[in-house]
Protein backbone atom coordinates (compact mmCIF):
# COMPACT_ATOMS: atom_id res chain seq x y z
CA MET A 1 143.87 -19.17 138.78
CA LEU A 2 144.21 -17.47 142.52
CA HIS A 3 146.64 -20.04 143.80
CA ARG A 4 148.96 -19.80 140.81
CA GLY A 5 148.83 -16.69 139.98
CA LEU A 6 147.06 -16.48 136.71
CA SER A 7 145.64 -13.38 135.01
CA ILE A 8 142.70 -13.70 133.17
CA TYR A 9 145.09 -12.91 130.26
CA GLU A 10 147.41 -15.87 131.11
CA LEU A 11 144.74 -18.71 131.66
CA SER A 12 143.44 -17.75 128.59
CA ILE A 13 146.45 -18.22 126.96
CA GLU A 14 146.87 -21.49 128.84
CA ILE A 15 143.69 -22.94 127.86
CA GLU A 16 143.60 -21.25 124.18
CA VAL A 17 140.63 -18.82 124.24
CA SER A 18 140.00 -15.42 123.98
CA GLU A 19 139.89 -13.36 127.08
CA GLU A 20 136.24 -12.51 126.26
CA LYS A 21 135.47 -16.30 126.57
CA THR A 22 137.67 -16.92 129.85
CA GLU A 23 135.95 -14.12 131.31
CA ALA A 24 132.49 -15.83 129.60
CA LEU A 25 133.49 -18.62 132.25
CA ILE A 26 135.01 -17.42 134.98
CA GLU A 27 131.07 -16.03 135.54
CA GLY A 28 129.33 -18.74 134.36
CA GLU A 29 128.40 -17.24 130.89
CA LEU A 30 130.48 -20.43 129.48
CA GLN A 31 129.77 -24.11 129.38
CA ILE A 32 132.80 -26.24 130.17
CA ASN A 33 132.63 -29.19 127.03
CA GLU A 34 134.84 -31.63 126.85
CA LYS A 35 137.55 -30.14 124.59
CA LEU A 36 138.06 -27.42 127.47
CA ALA A 37 137.84 -29.67 130.42
CA GLU A 38 141.14 -31.18 129.11
CA ARG A 39 142.40 -28.10 128.97
CA LEU A 40 141.34 -26.23 132.27
CA SER A 41 142.95 -29.83 133.42
CA ALA A 42 146.37 -29.23 131.83
CA ALA A 43 146.87 -25.25 132.61
CA LEU A 44 145.46 -25.68 136.38
CA GLY A 45 145.11 -29.66 137.06
CA SER A 46 142.54 -31.44 138.61
CA SER A 47 140.93 -34.02 135.54
CA SER A 48 138.90 -33.84 132.82
CA ALA A 49 136.03 -35.20 134.91
CA PHE A 50 136.81 -33.28 137.32
CA TRP A 51 135.79 -30.10 134.89
CA ILE A 52 133.09 -31.75 133.63
CA ASN A 53 131.49 -32.71 137.05
CA ARG A 54 132.27 -29.19 138.16
CA GLU A 55 130.05 -28.13 135.03
CA LYS A 56 127.37 -30.12 135.48
CA GLN A 57 126.99 -29.70 139.00
CA TYR A 58 127.08 -25.77 138.72
CA ARG A 59 124.49 -26.13 135.55
CA GLN A 60 122.26 -27.70 138.09
CA ASP A 61 122.62 -25.57 141.52
CA LEU A 62 121.42 -22.56 139.02
CA GLU A 63 118.30 -24.88 137.62
CA ARG A 64 117.45 -25.36 140.96
CA LEU A 65 117.92 -21.54 141.99
CA GLN A 66 116.06 -20.08 139.42
CA ASN A 67 113.33 -22.84 139.62
CA PRO A 68 112.44 -23.02 143.27
CA VAL A 69 109.44 -24.12 145.95
CA ASN A 70 106.81 -21.58 145.10
CA SER A 71 104.27 -22.92 147.60
CA LEU A 72 103.91 -25.43 149.79
CA THR A 73 101.32 -28.77 149.39
CA ALA A 74 98.43 -28.92 152.24
CA LEU A 75 100.85 -31.78 153.26
CA ASP A 76 103.82 -29.97 153.80
CA GLU A 77 102.60 -27.45 155.96
CA LYS A 78 100.55 -29.92 158.08
CA TRP A 79 103.36 -31.88 158.35
CA ALA A 80 105.45 -28.70 159.40
CA ARG A 81 102.88 -27.31 161.58
CA SER A 82 103.23 -30.74 163.91
CA PHE A 83 107.09 -30.09 164.96
CA PRO A 84 107.51 -29.69 168.34
CA LEU A 85 108.46 -25.62 167.84
CA LYS A 86 108.55 -24.69 171.82
CA ASP A 87 111.01 -27.94 172.60
CA MET A 88 113.12 -27.58 169.11
CA HIS A 89 113.67 -23.90 170.79
CA LYS A 90 114.88 -25.67 174.24
CA PHE A 91 117.49 -27.53 172.44
CA GLY A 92 118.67 -24.63 170.84
CA TRP A 93 117.91 -25.34 167.38
CA PHE A 94 117.15 -22.01 166.81
CA PRO A 95 117.30 -18.74 167.95
């Protein structure tokens, strides 16, 4: 959008949705369906499959970020405690 110099208003005209829906799209609140993907493809480039895949990836990332792992299992803790921290630090793997 910025690359093409389009305002929200101009993009909303290009993709045939209201400015409010265009803002919701940009904010990640409006999901991209097949019809909208086709319009985005025509307005901004890339294929409609690209836009559908971006939507799918975005929703998966949101889900992942909203549901973090709450705690390590005992097995995870045992495994993590086996790390050779002194050697890892010596090799510069962390400060």
